């Protein structure tokens, strides 16, 4: 699930550092990815701000292979996630994806939701169930999970966004992040977003995440048919490359 270690050096109570600081002050070459060190990451991260949605989405897919391969958390996953959270408000993220008319910002938020889910309470619990003791000394995982309050503050401004896809993606990410004890006071407010996802989302994995969050927080979900439990999948969807070409 996770590999090696990375300490962010940032307090869980602090705000997210500027994306430029993350890019310039991180020792990328010392951090492990799924395929070697992270020397290539600054160039890739900078490409996320190119004014071309195809470049942005293709780059995000490349980043996923490096820092989220096989749903794992690597040393470089934390600073990459901080950078992506830090650019959410950048005008370049409002570039529209080809053939979908959806801003790249929604794609970035869905990526964040999918990545933080891989370190969620549910996945940690399941990992311990099937592989007892595997995560006991995993400081990479602990450091990444400690980022949840910081990441939540970066996502929260988009919960009321005027664009439905952005609003729904932000709600999904916030539901996962809010399982951190420091964010418990936000859960009643987020229940509205969870219910909206249940009522309107066309993605069954996203609806399952919303259902599980509301159920765990004591909200009435008896009007929703329970989701079938599976050993490992059922995480939120992360937009891929499939819509970068014209439909048949």
Protein backbone atom coordinates (compact mmCIF):
# COMPACT_ATOMS: atom_id res chain seq x y z
CA UNK A 1 0.00 0.00 0.00
CA UNK A 2 2.78 2.46 0.86
CA UNK A 3 6.44 2.60 0.14
CA UNK A 4 9.32 4.14 2.13
CA UNK A 5 8.89 7.36 4.10
CA UNK A 6 8.32 11.07 3.66
CA UNK A 7 7.78 13.73 6.30
CA UNK A 8 6.08 16.90 5.10
CA UNK A 9 7.40 19.06 7.93
CA UNK A 10 4.05 20.87 7.94
CA UNK A 11 1.72 21.15 10.89
CA UNK A 12 -1.69 19.56 10.44
CA UNK A 13 -3.14 22.90 11.64
CA UNK A 14 -1.29 25.04 9.08
CA UNK A 15 -2.56 26.21 5.71
CA UNK A 16 -1.38 24.65 2.50
CA UNK A 17 1.93 26.22 1.36
CA UNK A 18 1.91 28.02 -2.01
CA UNK A 19 2.29 25.61 -4.90
CA UNK A 20 5.38 27.51 -6.04
CA UNK A 21 7.05 26.83 -2.67
CA UNK A 22 6.17 23.13 -2.87
CA UNK A 23 7.68 22.97 -6.34
CA UNK A 24 10.87 24.85 -5.54
CA UNK A 25 11.60 23.78 -1.97
CA UNK A 26 10.97 20.03 -2.20
CA UNK A 27 14.02 17.82 -2.68
CA UNK A 28 12.34 15.78 -5.39
CA UNK A 29 15.40 13.71 -6.23
CA UNK A 30 15.46 12.29 -2.71
CA UNK A 31 11.87 11.06 -2.82
CA UNK A 32 10.74 7.65 -3.99
CA UNK A 33 8.12 7.10 -6.68
CA UNK A 34 6.81 3.85 -8.08
CA UNK A 35 9.61 3.93 -10.66
CA UNK A 36 12.72 5.45 -9.11
CA UNK A 37 13.23 8.88 -7.62
CA UNK A 38 11.19 12.01 -8.26
CA UNK A 39 13.66 14.07 -10.30
CA UNK A 40 11.20 14.25 -13.20
CA UNK A 41 8.29 15.50 -11.08
CA UNK A 42 8.92 19.29 -11.18
CA UNK A 43 8.71 19.32 -14.98
CA UNK A 44 5.54 17.23 -14.93
CA UNK A 45 3.89 19.33 -12.23
CA UNK A 46 4.61 22.55 -14.14
CA UNK A 47 2.82 21.06 -17.16
CA UNK A 48 -0.43 20.96 -15.18
CA UNK A 49 -0.63 24.72 -15.71
CA UNK A 50 -0.26 24.55 -19.48
CA UNK A 51 -3.27 26.16 -21.24
CA UNK A 52 -4.06 22.90 -23.02
CA UNK A 53 -6.47 20.44 -21.39
CA UNK A 54 -5.05 17.47 -23.27
CA UNK A 55 -1.55 18.23 -21.93
CA UNK A 56 -2.94 18.74 -18.42
CA UNK A 57 -4.92 15.50 -18.29
CA UNK A 58 -2.18 13.44 -19.93
CA UNK A 59 0.29 14.84 -17.40
CA UNK A 60 -2.02 13.97 -14.51
CA UNK A 61 -2.17 10.41 -15.79
CA UNK A 62 1.65 10.26 -15.90
CA UNK A 63 1.82 11.59 -12.35
CA UNK A 64 -0.63 8.93 -11.21
CA UNK A 65 1.63 6.21 -12.54
CA UNK A 66 4.53 7.64 -10.56
CA UNK A 67 2.95 8.52 -7.21
CA UNK A 68 -0.31 6.54 -7.06
CA UNK A 69 0.65 3.34 -8.88
CA UNK A 70 -1.43 0.36 -7.75
CA UNK A 71 -3.26 2.58 -5.25
CA UNK A 72 -0.11 2.99 -3.18
CA UNK A 73 1.33 5.93 -1.25
CA UNK A 74 4.98 6.75 -1.99
CA UNK A 75 7.38 9.31 -0.59
CA UNK A 76 6.60 11.68 -3.45
CA UNK A 77 2.82 11.29 -3.15
CA UNK A 78 2.46 13.88 -0.39
CA UNK A 79 4.22 16.84 -2.07
CA UNK A 80 2.57 16.05 -5.43
CA UNK A 81 -0.82 16.04 -3.71
CA UNK A 82 0.00 19.31 -1.95
CA UNK A 83 1.00 20.89 -5.26
CA UNK A 84 -2.19 19.75 -6.99
CA UNK A 85 -4.32 21.01 -4.10
CA UNK A 86 -2.39 24.28 -4.25
CA UNK A 87 -3.17 24.96 -7.92
CA UNK A 88 -6.92 24.33 -7.67
CA UNK A 89 -7.70 28.06 -7.76
CA UNK A 90 -5.30 28.76 -10.64
CA UNK A 91 -7.08 30.05 -13.77
CA UNK A 92 -5.39 27.36 -15.89
CA UNK A 93 -7.43 24.69 -14.13
CA UNK A 94 -10.60 26.08 -15.71
CA UNK A 95 -9.50 24.87 -19.14
CA UNK A 96 -12.28 22.71 -20.56
CA UNK A 97 -11.60 19.06 -21.34
CA UNK A 98 -12.22 18.06 -24.98
CA UNK A 99 -15.64 16.64 -25.82
CA UNK A 100 -16.94 16.97 -22.26
CA UNK A 101 -17.08 20.70 -21.50
CA UNK A 102 -15.84 19.92 -17.97
CA UNK A 103 -13.10 22.04 -16.37
CA UNK A 104 -9.77 20.38 -15.57
CA UNK A 105 -10.33 21.63 -12.01
CA UNK A 106 -12.97 18.91 -11.56
CA UNK A 107 -10.49 16.32 -12.83
CA UNK A 108 -7.87 17.48 -10.32
CA UNK A 109 -10.41 17.29 -7.49
CA UNK A 110 -11.41 13.78 -8.53
CA UNK A 111 -7.74 12.81 -8.56
CA UNK A 112 -7.36 14.18 -5.04
CA UNK A 113 -10.42 12.24 -3.88
CA UNK A 114 -9.11 9.01 -5.38
CA UNK A 115 -5.61 9.49 -3.91
CA UNK A 116 -6.70 10.37 -0.37
CA UNK A 117 -9.13 7.44 -0.46
CA UNK A 118 -6.11 5.14 -0.90
CA UNK A 119 -5.00 6.30 2.58
CA UNK A 120 -8.49 6.48 4.07
CA UNK A 121 -9.64 4.87 7.30
CA UNK A 122 -11.49 2.23 5.30
CA UNK A 123 -8.46 1.18 3.28
CA UNK A 124 -6.17 1.22 6.31
CA UNK A 125 -8.63 -0.95 8.23
CA UNK A 126 -8.95 -3.40 5.36
CA UNK A 127 -5.17 -3.58 4.92
CA UNK A 128 -4.71 -4.38 8.61
CA UNK A 129 -7.46 -6.99 8.37
CA UNK A 130 -5.83 -8.85 5.50
CA UNK A 131 -2.18 -8.08 6.34
CA UNK A 132 -1.86 -7.61 10.11
CA UNK A 133 1.07 -5.44 11.12
CA UNK A 134 1.91 -4.31 7.59
CA UNK A 135 1.28 -0.62 8.34
CA UNK A 136 2.54 -0.54 11.93
CA UNK A 137 5.73 1.37 11.14
CA UNK A 138 4.66 3.03 7.90
CA UNK A 139 5.60 6.67 8.55
CA UNK A 140 4.95 7.57 4.89
CA UNK A 141 1.31 6.67 5.34
CA UNK A 142 1.07 8.49 8.68
CA UNK A 143 2.60 11.67 7.21
CA UNK A 144 0.23 11.57 4.26
CA UNK A 145 -2.84 11.03 6.43
CA UNK A 146 -1.76 13.98 8.61
CA UNK A 147 -2.22 16.23 5.57
CA UNK A 148 -5.99 15.73 5.54
CA UNK A 149 -6.97 18.91 7.46
CA UNK A 150 -4.64 20.97 5.27
CA UNK A 151 -6.00 19.44 2.08
CA UNK A 152 -9.56 19.95 3.29
CA UNK A 153 -8.98 23.68 3.60
CA UNK A 154 -7.81 23.73 -0.02
CA UNK A 155 -10.86 21.80 -1.22
CA UNK A 156 -13.57 23.50 0.86
CA UNK A 157 -13.82 26.73 -1.21
CA UNK A 158 -15.12 24.67 -4.14
CA UNK A 159 -18.00 23.04 -2.26
CA UNK A 160 -20.29 25.87 -3.42
CA UNK A 161 -18.83 26.23 -6.90
CA UNK A 162 -21.24 27.21 -9.65
CA UNK A 163 -20.10 24.32 -11.86
CA UNK A 164 -21.78 21.05 -10.94
CA UNK A 165 -18.82 18.82 -11.79
CA UNK A 166 -16.45 20.91 -9.65
CA UNK A 167 -18.95 21.06 -6.81
CA UNK A 168 -19.52 17.30 -6.85
CA UNK A 169 -15.80 16.46 -7.05
CA UNK A 170 -15.05 18.83 -4.17
CA UNK A 171 -17.84 17.27 -2.11
CA UNK A 172 -16.49 13.78 -2.71
CA UNK A 173 -12.95 14.76 -1.71
CA UNK A 174 -14.23 16.60 1.37
CA UNK A 175 -16.26 13.59 2.53
CA UNK A 176 -13.14 11.42 2.51
CA UNK A 177 -10.90 14.04 4.13
CA UNK A 178 -13.44 14.80 6.88
CA UNK A 179 -12.97 11.40 8.48
CA UNK A 180 -9.93 12.97 10.18
CA UNK A 181 -10.88 13.69 13.82
CA UNK A 182 -9.80 17.34 13.53
CA UNK A 183 -12.48 17.87 10.88
CA UNK A 184 -15.39 16.33 12.76
CA UNK A 185 -17.10 19.70 13.16
CA UNK A 186 -17.58 19.90 9.38
CA UNK A 187 -19.42 16.60 8.98
CA UNK A 188 -22.98 17.82 9.49
CA UNK A 189 -22.44 20.49 6.87
CA UNK A 190 -20.89 17.96 4.50
CA UNK A 191 -23.87 15.63 4.87
CA UNK A 192 -25.73 17.89 2.43
CA UNK A 193 -23.03 17.27 -0.17
CA UNK A 194 -23.06 13.55 0.55
CA UNK A 195 -26.80 13.40 0.02
CA UNK A 196 -26.47 15.35 -3.23
CA UNK A 197 -23.91 12.85 -4.51
CA UNK A 198 -26.24 9.98 -3.60
CA UNK A 199 -29.13 11.64 -5.41
CA UNK A 200 -27.40 12.86 -8.56
CA UNK A 201 -24.07 11.12 -9.20
CA UNK A 202 -23.85 8.70 -12.09
CA UNK A 203 -20.75 7.03 -10.60
CA UNK A 204 -21.59 4.10 -8.32
CA UNK A 205 -18.20 4.17 -6.49
CA UNK A 206 -18.71 7.85 -5.65
CA UNK A 207 -22.21 7.14 -4.39
CA UNK A 208 -20.83 4.33 -2.22
CA UNK A 209 -18.27 6.70 -0.65
CA UNK A 210 -21.06 9.17 0.16
CA UNK A 211 -23.25 6.42 1.57
CA UNK A 212 -20.49 5.05 3.81
CA UNK A 213 -19.62 8.53 5.11
CA UNK A 214 -23.22 9.41 5.98
CA UNK A 215 -23.76 6.02 7.59
CA UNK A 216 -20.58 6.37 9.69
CA UNK A 217 -21.61 9.85 10.82
CA UNK A 218 -25.00 8.68 12.04
CA UNK A 219 -27.19 10.10 9.27
CA UNK A 220 -30.29 8.26 8.12
CA UNK A 221 -29.60 6.38 4.89
CA UNK A 222 -32.38 3.81 5.23
CA UNK A 223 -34.01 5.13 2.04
CA UNK A 224 -30.88 4.15 0.05
CA UNK A 225 -30.31 0.55 -0.93
CA UNK A 226 -27.10 -0.65 0.79
CA UNK A 227 -24.08 -1.09 -1.46
CA UNK A 228 -22.57 -4.51 -1.91
CA UNK A 229 -19.31 -4.84 0.00
CA UNK A 230 -16.24 -5.82 -2.00
CA UNK A 231 -12.80 -6.66 -0.60
CA UNK A 232 -10.79 -3.87 -2.22
CA UNK A 233 -12.40 -1.81 -4.95
CA UNK A 234 -15.27 0.66 -4.59
CA UNK A 235 -13.06 3.73 -4.24
CA UNK A 236 -14.06 7.00 -5.92
CA UNK A 237 -13.58 7.30 -9.65
CA UNK A 238 -10.61 9.26 -10.99
CA UNK A 239 -11.11 10.77 -14.44
CA UNK A 240 -8.82 9.16 -16.97
CA UNK A 241 -7.76 9.78 -20.56
CA UNK A 242 -10.75 8.17 -22.23
CA UNK A 243 -12.51 11.36 -23.26
CA UNK A 244 -9.50 13.04 -24.88
CA UNK A 245 -10.47 11.56 -28.24
CA UNK A 246 -13.74 12.00 -30.15
CA UNK A 247 -16.47 9.48 -29.29
CA UNK A 248 -17.19 6.78 -31.85
